Amino acid sequence: MDEAILMILVKQYADRFGITFSSKHLDDEDKKQKLVSLMQESLAGKRGPVTDADLN
């Protein structure tokens, strides 16, 4: 995923929910993909905020 697109997604998510997960997950490729998917679901109204527990 393009880093600029990722940052836009994170900003949209943060504007809506605040940051509810540790940014260290963005450094792990596997967790980053899961995190992106979960943030997209949250922004689409399919789930609540993403937490660290969702990524462990």
C-alpha atoms as a PDB file:
ATOM      1  CA  MET A   1       0.000   0.000   0.000  1.00  0.00           C
ATOM      2  CA  ASP A   2       1.221   3.482  -0.863  1.00  0.00           C
ATOM      3  CA  GLU A   3       2.367   5.301   2.290  1.00  0.00           C
ATOM      4  CA  ALA A   4       0.504   8.487   1.312  1.00  0.00           C
ATOM      5  CA  ILE A   5      -2.760   6.556   1.011  1.00  0.00           C
ATOM      6  CA  LEU A   6      -2.065   4.875   4.343  1.00  0.00           C
ATOM      7  CA  MET A   7      -1.513   8.240   6.034  1.00  0.00           C
ATOM      8  CA  ILE A   8      -4.770   9.601   4.585  1.00  0.00           C
ATOM      9  CA  LEU A   9      -6.623   6.541   5.883  1.00  0.00           C
ATOM     10  CA  VAL A  10      -5.038   6.880   9.334  1.00  0.00           C
ATOM     11  CA  LYS A  11      -5.929  10.596   9.420  1.00  0.00           C
ATOM     12  CA  GLN A  12      -9.551   9.934   8.457  1.00  0.00           C
ATOM     13  CA  TYR A  13      -9.746   7.213  11.087  1.00  0.00           C
ATOM     14  CA  ALA A  14      -8.128   9.403  13.759  1.00  0.00           C
ATOM     15  CA  ASP A  15     -10.435  12.329  12.964  1.00  0.00           C
ATOM     16  CA  ARG A  16     -13.439  10.080  13.498  1.00  0.00           C
ATOM     17  CA  PHE A  17     -12.355   7.782  16.329  1.00  0.00           C
ATOM     18  CA  GLY A  18      -9.136   9.190  17.757  1.00  0.00           C
ATOM     19  CA  ILE A  19      -6.195   6.826  17.781  1.00  0.00           C
ATOM     20  CA  THR A  20      -7.247   3.668  19.577  1.00  0.00           C
ATOM     21  CA  PHE A  21      -4.334   1.404  18.651  1.00  0.00           C
ATOM     22  CA  SER A  22      -0.563   1.509  18.991  1.00  0.00           C
ATOM     23  CA  SER A  23       1.215   2.981  15.970  1.00  0.00           C
ATOM     24  CA  LYS A  24       3.900   0.271  16.282  1.00  0.00           C
ATOM     25  CA  HIS A  25       1.495  -2.017  14.384  1.00  0.00           C
ATOM     26  CA  LEU A  26       2.112   0.073  11.263  1.00  0.00           C
ATOM     27  CA  ASP A  27       5.730  -1.147  11.279  1.00  0.00           C
ATOM     28  CA  ASP A  28       4.715  -4.822  11.000  1.00  0.00           C
ATOM     29  CA  GLU A  29       3.706  -5.673   7.403  1.00  0.00           C
ATOM     30  CA  ASP A  30       1.265  -8.437   8.388  1.00  0.00           C
ATOM     31  CA  LYS A  31      -0.403  -6.380  11.095  1.00  0.00           C
ATOM     32  CA  LYS A  32      -0.425  -3.297   8.866  1.00  0.00           C
ATOM     33  CA  GLN A  33      -2.563  -5.106   6.285  1.00  0.00           C
ATOM     34  CA  LYS A  34      -4.988  -6.273   8.981  1.00  0.00           C
ATOM     35  CA  LEU A  35      -5.017  -2.791  10.507  1.00  0.00           C
ATOM     36  CA  VAL A  36      -5.813  -1.171   7.143  1.00  0.00           C
ATOM     37  CA  SER A  37      -8.666  -3.615   6.614  1.00  0.00           C
ATOM     38  CA  LEU A  38     -10.073  -3.005  10.111  1.00  0.00           C
ATOM     39  CA  MET A  39      -9.791   0.798   9.753  1.00  0.00           C
ATOM     40  CA  GLN A  40     -11.653   0.618   6.447  1.00  0.00           C
ATOM     41  CA  GLU A  41     -14.408  -1.457   8.085  1.00  0.00           C
ATOM     42  CA  SER A  42     -14.624   1.065  10.946  1.00  0.00           C
ATOM     43  CA  LEU A  43     -14.886   4.023   8.571  1.00  0.00           C
ATOM     44  CA  ALA A  44     -17.570   2.172   6.595  1.00  0.00           C
ATOM     45  CA  GLY A  45     -19.599   1.699   9.788  1.00  0.00           C
ATOM     46  CA  LYS A  46     -19.194  -2.093   9.782  1.00  0.00           C
ATOM     47  CA  ARG A  47     -17.431  -2.190  13.159  1.00  0.00           C
ATOM     48  CA  GLY A  48     -16.376   0.033  16.045  1.00  0.00           C
ATOM     49  CA  PRO A  49     -12.930   1.479  16.679  1.00  0.00           C
ATOM     50  CA  VAL A  50      -9.856  -0.709  16.219  1.00  0.00           C
ATOM     51  CA  THR A  51      -7.926  -1.597  19.373  1.00  0.00           C
ATOM     52  CA  ASP A  52      -4.607  -3.297  20.029  1.00  0.00           C
ATOM     53  CA  ALA A  53      -6.578  -6.405  21.075  1.00  0.00           C
ATOM     54  CA  ASP A  54      -7.902  -6.671  17.493  1.00  0.00           C
ATOM     55  CA  LEU A  55      -4.332  -6.887  16.227  1.00  0.00           C
ATOM     56  CA  ASN A  56      -2.861  -9.412  18.695  1.00  0.00           C
END
